[in-house]
């Protein structure tokens, strides 16, 4: 299974997970050391991304793409940072 979270505005990788491993080689510099895929719900289909030390620049649209063999899907979410 491959899970990739990207920023819609930049089309760059925020977090990449493939076959049980987090891959950081393609990650945007702004997110280095601040993201993790929450694995507790993977078996139930939950692909939550945790971003720590939020910044105003994190505000915006995120797209989660999921591929597993021939199956593919994607979902869009919006993160609103305030305060």
PDB file of N, CA and C in Angstrom:
ATOM      1  N   UNK A   1       0.841  -1.181   0.000  1.00  0.00           N
ATOM      2  CA  UNK A   1       0.000   0.000   0.000  1.00  0.00           C
ATOM      3  C   UNK A   1       0.884   1.243   0.000  1.00  0.00           C
ATOM      4  N   UNK A   2       0.454   2.225  -0.768  1.00  0.00           N
ATOM      5  CA  UNK A   2       1.180   3.490  -0.822  1.00  0.00           C
ATOM      6  C   UNK A   2       0.223   4.632  -0.492  1.00  0.00           C
ATOM      7  N   UNK A   3       0.627   5.476   0.441  1.00  0.00           N
ATOM      8  CA  UNK A   3      -0.149   6.648   0.845  1.00  0.00           C
ATOM      9  C   UNK A   3       0.733   7.866   0.657  1.00  0.00           C
ATOM     10  N   UNK A   4       0.189   8.862  -0.020  1.00  0.00           N
ATOM     11  CA  UNK A   4       0.949  10.099  -0.225  1.00  0.00           C
ATOM     12  C   UNK A   4       0.033  11.283   0.091  1.00  0.00           C
ATOM     13  N   UNK A   5       0.505  12.124   0.992  1.00  0.00           N
ATOM     14  CA  UNK A   5      -0.179  13.383   1.287  1.00  0.00           C
ATOM     15  C   UNK A   5       0.572  14.486   0.549  1.00  0.00           C
ATOM     16  N   UNK A   6      -0.151  15.298  -0.209  1.00  0.00           N
ATOM     17  CA  UNK A   6       0.465  16.398  -0.946  1.00  0.00           C
ATOM     18  C   UNK A   6      -0.298  17.687  -0.698  1.00  0.00           C
ATOM     19  N   UNK A   7       0.384  18.804  -0.931  1.00  0.00           N
ATOM     20  CA  UNK A   7      -0.268  20.114  -0.863  1.00  0.00           C
ATOM     21  C   UNK A   7      -0.847  20.417  -2.224  1.00  0.00           C
ATOM     22  N   UNK A   8      -2.102  20.743  -2.288  1.00  0.00           N
ATOM     23  CA  UNK A   8      -2.773  21.044  -3.549  1.00  0.00           C
ATOM     24  C   UNK A   8      -2.122  22.226  -4.248  1.00  0.00           C
ATOM     25  N   UNK A   9      -1.827  23.245  -3.481  1.00  0.00           N
ATOM     26  CA  UNK A   9      -1.269  24.481  -4.033  1.00  0.00           C
ATOM     27  C   UNK A   9       0.119  24.260  -4.643  1.00  0.00           C
ATOM     28  N   UNK A  10       0.900  23.382  -4.040  1.00  0.00           N
ATOM     29  CA  UNK A  10       2.282  23.197  -4.470  1.00  0.00           C
ATOM     30  C   UNK A  10       2.507  21.894  -5.243  1.00  0.00           C
ATOM     31  N   UNK A  11       1.575  20.944  -5.126  1.00  0.00           N
ATOM     32  CA  UNK A  11       1.721  19.610  -5.713  1.00  0.00           C
ATOM     33  C   UNK A  11       3.043  18.958  -5.318  1.00  0.00           C
ATOM     34  N   UNK A  12       3.425  19.176  -4.082  1.00  0.00           N
ATOM     35  CA  UNK A  12       4.642  18.574  -3.556  1.00  0.00           C
ATOM     36  C   UNK A  12       4.297  17.692  -2.361  1.00  0.00           C
ATOM     37  N   UNK A  13       5.155  16.737  -2.084  1.00  0.00           N
ATOM     38  CA  UNK A  13       4.898  15.737  -1.051  1.00  0.00           C
ATOM     39  C   UNK A  13       5.062  16.312   0.353  1.00  0.00           C
ATOM     40  N   UNK A  14       4.023  16.131   1.155  1.00  0.00           N
ATOM     41  CA  UNK A  14       4.061  16.471   2.567  1.00  0.00           C
ATOM     42  C   UNK A  14       4.496  15.240   3.360  1.00  0.00           C
ATOM     43  N   UNK A  15       3.951  14.072   2.991  1.00  0.00           N
ATOM     44  CA  UNK A  15       4.327  12.819   3.650  1.00  0.00           C
ATOM     45  C   UNK A  15       4.103  11.665   2.679  1.00  0.00           C
ATOM     46  N   UNK A  16       5.016  10.690   2.705  1.00  0.00           N
ATOM     47  CA  UNK A  16       4.935   9.532   1.818  1.00  0.00           C
ATOM     48  C   UNK A  16       5.153   8.271   2.641  1.00  0.00           C
ATOM     49  N   UNK A  17       4.230   7.334   2.493  1.00  0.00           N
ATOM     50  CA  UNK A  17       4.268   6.053   3.213  1.00  0.00           C
ATOM     51  C   UNK A  17       4.113   4.947   2.174  1.00  0.00           C
ATOM     52  N   UNK A  18       5.012   3.967   2.214  1.00  0.00           N
ATOM     53  CA  UNK A  18       4.942   2.890   1.231  1.00  0.00           C
ATOM     54  C   UNK A  18       5.366   1.567   1.866  1.00  0.00           C
ATOM     55  N   UNK A  19       4.484   0.580   1.780  1.00  0.00           N
ATOM     56  CA  UNK A  19       4.755  -0.768   2.303  1.00  0.00           C
ATOM     57  C   UNK A  19       5.303  -0.768   3.723  1.00  0.00           C
ATOM     58  N   UNK A  20       4.656  -0.019   4.594  1.00  0.00           N
ATOM     59  CA  UNK A  20       5.021  -0.029   6.014  1.00  0.00           C
ATOM     60  C   UNK A  20       6.154   0.893   6.401  1.00  0.00           C
ATOM     61  N   UNK A  21       6.663   1.670   5.459  1.00  0.00           N
ATOM     62  CA  UNK A  21       7.787   2.561   5.738  1.00  0.00           C
ATOM     63  C   UNK A  21       7.439   4.009   5.403  1.00  0.00           C
ATOM     64  N   UNK A  22       7.863   4.923   6.259  1.00  0.00           N
ATOM     65  CA  UNK A  22       7.780   6.347   5.950  1.00  0.00           C
ATOM     66  C   UNK A  22       8.984   6.698   5.090  1.00  0.00           C
ATOM     67  N   UNK A  23       8.751   7.361   3.965  1.00  0.00           N
ATOM     68  CA  UNK A  23       9.813   7.746   3.045  1.00  0.00           C
ATOM     69  C   UNK A  23       9.920   9.267   3.036  1.00  0.00           C
ATOM     70  N   UNK A  24      11.065   9.770   3.366  1.00  0.00           N
ATOM     71  CA  UNK A  24      11.220  11.218   3.522  1.00  0.00           C
ATOM     72  C   UNK A  24      12.021  11.882   2.410  1.00  0.00           C
ATOM     73  N   UNK A  25      12.501  11.128   1.428  1.00  0.00           N
ATOM     74  CA  UNK A  25      13.344  11.679   0.373  1.00  0.00           C
ATOM     75  C   UNK A  25      12.691  12.729  -0.493  1.00  0.00           C
ATOM     76  N   UNK A  26      11.364  12.666  -0.668  1.00  0.00           N
ATOM     77  CA  UNK A  26      10.642  13.606  -1.522  1.00  0.00           C
ATOM     78  C   UNK A  26       9.916  14.689  -0.724  1.00  0.00           C
ATOM     79  N   UNK A  27      10.039  14.652   0.576  1.00  0.00           N
ATOM     80  CA  UNK A  27       9.255  15.534   1.438  1.00  0.00           C
ATOM     81  C   UNK A  27       9.658  16.995   1.283  1.00  0.00           C
ATOM     82  N   UNK A  28       8.650  17.873   1.251  1.00  0.00           N
ATOM     83  CA  UNK A  28       8.902  19.310   1.217  1.00  0.00           C
ATOM     84  C   UNK A  28       9.720  19.716   2.434  1.00  0.00           C
ATOM     85  N   UNK A  29      10.669  20.582   2.243  1.00  0.00           N
ATOM     86  CA  UNK A  29      11.547  21.049   3.320  1.00  0.00           C
ATOM     87  C   UNK A  29      10.750  21.583   4.511  1.00  0.00           C
ATOM     88  N   UNK A  30       9.659  22.270   4.243  1.00  0.00           N
ATOM     89  CA  UNK A  30       8.852  22.887   5.300  1.00  0.00           C
ATOM     90  C   UNK A  30       8.244  21.869   6.264  1.00  0.00           C
ATOM     91  N   UNK A  31       8.162  20.601   5.865  1.00  0.00           N
ATOM     92  CA  UNK A  31       7.519  19.584   6.698  1.00  0.00           C
ATOM     93  C   UNK A  31       8.496  18.587   7.324  1.00  0.00           C
ATOM     94  N   UNK A  32       9.763  18.728   7.051  1.00  0.00           N
ATOM     95  CA  UNK A  32      10.763  17.791   7.567  1.00  0.00           C
ATOM     96  C   UNK A  32      10.714  17.758   9.094  1.00  0.00           C
ATOM     97  N   UNK A  33      10.575  16.546   9.636  1.00  0.00           N
ATOM     98  CA  UNK A  33      10.544  16.356  11.084  1.00  0.00           C
ATOM     99  C   UNK A  33       9.239  16.723  11.750  1.00  0.00           C
ATOM    100  N   UNK A  34       8.200  17.036  10.958  1.00  0.00           N
ATOM    101  CA  UNK A  34       6.933  17.479  11.564  1.00  0.00           C
ATOM    102  C   UNK A  34       5.730  16.615  11.208  1.00  0.00           C
ATOM    103  N   UNK A  35       5.909  15.567  10.396  1.00  0.00           N
ATOM    104  CA  UNK A  35       4.748  14.779   9.974  1.00  0.00           C
ATOM    105  C   UNK A  35       4.895  13.308  10.326  1.00  0.00           C
ATOM    106  N   UNK A  36       3.735  12.665  10.489  1.00  0.00           N
ATOM    107  CA  UNK A  36       3.700  11.216  10.637  1.00  0.00           C
ATOM    108  C   UNK A  36       2.320  10.724  10.224  1.00  0.00           C
ATOM    109  N   UNK A  37       2.293   9.550   9.612  1.00  0.00           N
ATOM    110  CA  UNK A  37       1.032   8.902   9.296  1.00  0.00           C
ATOM    111  C   UNK A  37       0.599   8.155  10.550  1.00  0.00           C
ATOM    112  N   UNK A  38      -0.583   8.449  11.038  1.00  0.00           N
ATOM    113  CA  UNK A  38      -1.089   7.804  12.250  1.00  0.00           C
ATOM    114  C   UNK A  38      -1.509   6.389  11.875  1.00  0.00           C
ATOM    115  N   UNK A  39      -0.781   5.412  12.357  1.00  0.00           N
ATOM    116  CA  UNK A  39      -0.960   4.029  11.912  1.00  0.00           C
ATOM    117  C   UNK A  39      -2.040   3.265  12.674  1.00  0.00           C
ATOM    118  N   UNK A  40      -2.528   3.794  13.772  1.00  0.00           N
ATOM    119  CA  UNK A  40      -3.518   3.084  14.590  1.00  0.00           C
ATOM    120  C   UNK A  40      -4.734   2.636  13.787  1.00  0.00           C
ATOM    121  N   UNK A  41      -5.147   3.430  12.835  1.00  0.00           N
ATOM    122  CA  UNK A  41      -6.364   3.113  12.095  1.00  0.00           C
ATOM    123  C   UNK A  41      -6.148   2.616  10.686  1.00  0.00           C
ATOM    124  N   UNK A  42      -4.905   2.304  10.306  1.00  0.00           N
ATOM    125  CA  UNK A  42      -4.635   1.876   8.933  1.00  0.00           C
ATOM    126  C   UNK A  42      -5.486   0.682   8.507  1.00  0.00           C
ATOM    127  N   UNK A  43      -5.592  -0.316   9.354  1.00  0.00           N
ATOM    128  CA  UNK A  43      -6.348  -1.519   8.985  1.00  0.00           C
ATOM    129  C   UNK A  43      -7.831  -1.227   8.783  1.00  0.00           C
ATOM    130  N   UNK A  44      -8.326  -0.146   9.391  1.00  0.00           N
ATOM    131  CA  UNK A  44      -9.729   0.248   9.239  1.00  0.00           C
ATOM    132  C   UNK A  44      -9.906   1.298   8.145  1.00  0.00           C
ATOM    133  N   UNK A  45      -8.809   1.653   7.473  1.00  0.00           N
ATOM    134  CA  UNK A  45      -8.908   2.615   6.375  1.00  0.00           C
ATOM    135  C   UNK A  45      -8.689   4.058   6.775  1.00  0.00           C
ATOM    136  N   UNK A  46      -8.274   4.307   7.998  1.00  0.00           N
ATOM    137  CA  UNK A  46      -8.004   5.672   8.457  1.00  0.00           C
ATOM    138  C   UNK A  46      -6.571   6.040   8.095  1.00  0.00           C
ATOM    139  N   UNK A  47      -6.407   7.115   7.355  1.00  0.00           N
ATOM    140  CA  UNK A  47      -5.089   7.529   6.864  1.00  0.00           C
ATOM    141  C   UNK A  47      -4.740   8.922   7.362  1.00  0.00           C
ATOM    142  N   UNK A  48      -4.973   9.154   8.633  1.00  0.00           N
ATOM    143  CA  UNK A  48      -4.758  10.470   9.223  1.00  0.00           C
ATOM    144  C   UNK A  48      -3.296  10.878   9.192  1.00  0.00           C
ATOM    145  N   UNK A  49      -3.081  12.129   8.858  1.00  0.00           N
ATOM    146  CA  UNK A  49      -1.746  12.711   8.875  1.00  0.00           C
ATOM    147  C   UNK A  49      -1.645  13.633  10.083  1.00  0.00           C
ATOM    148  N   UNK A  50      -0.601  13.461  10.882  1.00  0.00           N
ATOM    149  CA  UNK A  50      -0.360  14.338  12.027  1.00  0.00           C
ATOM    150  C   UNK A  50       0.757  15.303  11.645  1.00  0.00           C
ATOM    151  N   UNK A  51       0.479  16.587  11.792  1.00  0.00           N
ATOM    152  CA  UNK A  51       1.484  17.628  11.569  1.00  0.00           C
ATOM    153  C   UNK A  51       1.708  18.316  12.903  1.00  0.00           C
ATOM    154  N   UNK A  52       2.941  18.334  13.366  1.00  0.00           N
ATOM    155  CA  UNK A  52       3.263  18.966  14.638  1.00  0.00           C
ATOM    156  C   UNK A  52       3.832  20.358  14.391  1.00  0.00           C
ATOM    157  N   UNK A  53       3.872  21.148  15.464  1.00  0.00           N
ATOM    158  CA  UNK A  53       4.407  22.512  15.400  1.00  0.00           C
ATOM    159  C   UNK A  53       3.803  23.280  14.220  1.00  0.00           C
ATOM    160  N   UNK A  54       2.459  23.356  14.230  1.00  0.00           N
ATOM    161  CA  UNK A  54       1.743  24.013  13.131  1.00  0.00           C
ATOM    162  C   UNK A  54       2.210  25.438  12.909  1.00  0.00           C
ATOM    163  N   UNK A  55       2.201  25.833  11.658  1.00  0.00           N
ATOM    164  CA  UNK A  55       2.587  27.183  11.227  1.00  0.00           C
ATOM    165  C   UNK A  55       1.452  27.766  10.393  1.00  0.00           C
ATOM    166  N   UNK A  56       1.342  29.081  10.327  1.00  0.00           N
ATOM    167  CA  UNK A  56       0.327  29.679   9.459  1.00  0.00           C
ATOM    168  C   UNK A  56       0.435  29.199   8.010  1.00  0.00           C
ATOM    169  N   UNK A  57       1.633  28.917   7.551  1.00  0.00           N
ATOM    170  CA  UNK A  57       1.826  28.457   6.170  1.00  0.00           C
ATOM    171  C   UNK A  57       1.288  27.048   5.935  1.00  0.00           C
ATOM    172  N   UNK A  58       0.952  26.306   6.997  1.00  0.00           N
ATOM    173  CA  UNK A  58       0.373  24.968   6.855  1.00  0.00           C
ATOM    174  C   UNK A  58      -1.092  25.035   6.445  1.00  0.00           C
ATOM    175  N   UNK A  59      -1.712  26.187   6.593  1.00  0.00           N
ATOM    176  CA  UNK A  59      -3.110  26.390   6.243  1.00  0.00           C
ATOM    177  C   UNK A  59      -3.323  26.088   4.759  1.00  0.00           C
ATOM    178  N   UNK A  60      -4.365  25.342   4.443  1.00  0.00           N
ATOM    179  CA  UNK A  60      -4.686  25.111   3.038  1.00  0.00           C
ATOM    180  C   UNK A  60      -5.219  23.729   2.753  1.00  0.00           C
ATOM    181  N   UNK A  61      -5.257  23.410   1.470  1.00  0.00           N
ATOM    182  CA  UNK A  61      -5.817  22.161   0.981  1.00  0.00           C
ATOM    183  C   UNK A  61      -4.735  21.090   0.891  1.00  0.00           C
ATOM    184  N   UNK A  62      -5.088  19.903   1.364  1.00  0.00           N
ATOM    185  CA  UNK A  62      -4.213  18.735   1.302  1.00  0.00           C
ATOM    186  C   UNK A  62      -4.950  17.625   0.567  1.00  0.00           C
ATOM    187  N   UNK A  63      -4.211  16.862  -0.217  1.00  0.00           N
ATOM    188  CA  UNK A  63      -4.786  15.728  -0.940  1.00  0.00           C
ATOM    189  C   UNK A  63      -4.081  14.465  -0.477  1.00  0.00           C
ATOM    190  N   UNK A  64      -4.877  13.450  -0.155  1.00  0.00           N
ATOM    191  CA  UNK A  64      -4.343  12.141   0.220  1.00  0.00           C
ATOM    192  C   UNK A  64      -4.617  11.183  -0.931  1.00  0.00           C
ATOM    193  N   UNK A  65      -3.564  10.598  -1.476  1.00  0.00           N
ATOM    194  CA  UNK A  65      -3.724   9.592  -2.527  1.00  0.00           C
ATOM    195  C   UNK A  65      -3.333   8.239  -1.962  1.00  0.00           C
ATOM    196  N   UNK A  66      -4.081   7.211  -2.353  1.00  0.00           N
ATOM    197  CA  UNK A  66      -3.850   5.863  -1.851  1.00  0.00           C
ATOM    198  C   UNK A  66      -3.845   4.895  -3.021  1.00  0.00           C
ATOM    199  N   UNK A  67      -2.806   4.095  -3.090  1.00  0.00           N
ATOM    200  CA  UNK A  67      -2.733   3.066  -4.114  1.00  0.00           C
ATOM    201  C   UNK A  67      -2.392   1.735  -3.493  1.00  0.00           C
ATOM    202  N   UNK A  68      -3.040   0.692  -3.980  1.00  0.00           N
ATOM    203  CA  UNK A  68      -2.769  -0.660  -3.495  1.00  0.00           C
ATOM    204  C   UNK A  68      -3.007  -1.615  -4.669  1.00  0.00           C
ATOM    205  N   UNK A  69      -1.947  -2.016  -5.315  1.00  0.00           N
ATOM    206  CA  UNK A  69      -2.093  -2.839  -6.507  1.00  0.00           C
ATOM    207  C   UNK A  69      -2.736  -2.028  -7.618  1.00  0.00           C
ATOM    208  N   UNK A  70      -3.854  -2.511  -8.132  1.00  0.00           N
ATOM    209  CA  UNK A  70      -4.572  -1.809  -9.200  1.00  0.00           C
ATOM    210  C   UNK A  70      -5.570  -0.787  -8.669  1.00  0.00           C
ATOM    211  N   UNK A  71      -5.822  -0.792  -7.369  1.00  0.00           N
ATOM    212  CA  UNK A  71      -6.801   0.126  -6.771  1.00  0.00           C
ATOM    213  C   UNK A  71      -6.143   1.472  -6.461  1.00  0.00           C
ATOM    214  N   UNK A  72      -6.898   2.543  -6.662  1.00  0.00           N
ATOM    215  CA  UNK A  72      -6.407   3.901  -6.398  1.00  0.00           C
ATOM    216  C   UNK A  72      -7.592   4.747  -5.960  1.00  0.00           C
ATOM    217  N   UNK A  73      -7.341   5.636  -5.001  1.00  0.00           N
ATOM    218  CA  UNK A  73      -8.369   6.590  -4.593  1.00  0.00           C
ATOM    219  C   UNK A  73      -7.677   7.819  -4.032  1.00  0.00           C
ATOM    220  N   UNK A  74      -8.431   8.877  -3.920  1.00  0.00           N
ATOM    221  CA  UNK A  74      -7.892  10.087  -3.308  1.00  0.00           C
ATOM    222  C   UNK A  74      -8.997  10.850  -2.602  1.00  0.00           C
ATOM    223  N   UNK A  75      -8.583  11.634  -1.627  1.00  0.00           N
ATOM    224  CA  UNK A  75      -9.495  12.465  -0.851  1.00  0.00           C
ATOM    225  C   UNK A  75      -8.837  13.805  -0.608  1.00  0.00           C
ATOM    226  N   UNK A  76      -9.655  14.819  -0.437  1.00  0.00           N
ATOM    227  CA  UNK A  76      -9.162  16.171  -0.210  1.00  0.00           C
ATOM    228  C   UNK A  76      -9.642  16.655   1.158  1.00  0.00           C
ATOM    229  N   UNK A  77      -8.757  17.344   1.856  1.00  0.00           N
ATOM    230  CA  UNK A  77      -9.117  17.928   3.139  1.00  0.00           C
ATOM    231  C   UNK A  77      -8.557  19.338   3.232  1.00  0.00           C
ATOM    232  N   UNK A  78      -9.120  20.119   4.119  1.00  0.00           N
ATOM    233  CA  UNK A  78      -8.656  21.492   4.305  1.00  0.00           C
ATOM    234  C   UNK A  78      -8.249  21.683   5.754  1.00  0.00           C
ATOM    235  N   UNK A  79      -7.037  22.158   5.959  1.00  0.00           N
ATOM    236  CA  UNK A  79      -6.540  22.462   7.289  1.00  0.00           C
ATOM    237  C   UNK A  79      -6.617  23.959   7.488  1.00  0.00           C
ATOM    238  N   UNK A  80      -7.263  24.359   8.569  1.00  0.00           N
ATOM    239  CA  UNK A  80      -7.372  25.773   8.891  1.00  0.00           C
ATOM    240  C   UNK A  80      -6.570  26.047  10.156  1.00  0.00           C
ATOM    241  N   UNK A  81      -5.549  26.860  10.034  1.00  0.00           N
ATOM    242  CA  UNK A  81      -4.684  27.198  11.152  1.00  0.00           C
ATOM    243  C   UNK A  81      -5.097  28.581  11.658  1.00  0.00           C
ATOM    244  N   UNK A  82      -5.389  28.669  12.943  1.00  0.00           N
ATOM    245  CA  UNK A  82      -5.758  29.966  13.509  1.00  0.00           C
ATOM    246  C   UNK A  82      -4.969  30.192  14.793  1.00  0.00           C
ATOM    247  N   UNK A  83      -4.912  31.424  15.189  1.00  0.00           N
ATOM    248  CA  UNK A  83      -4.256  31.754  16.438  1.00  0.00           C
ATOM    249  C   UNK A  83      -2.845  32.065  16.225  1.00  0.00           C
TER     250      UNK A  83
END
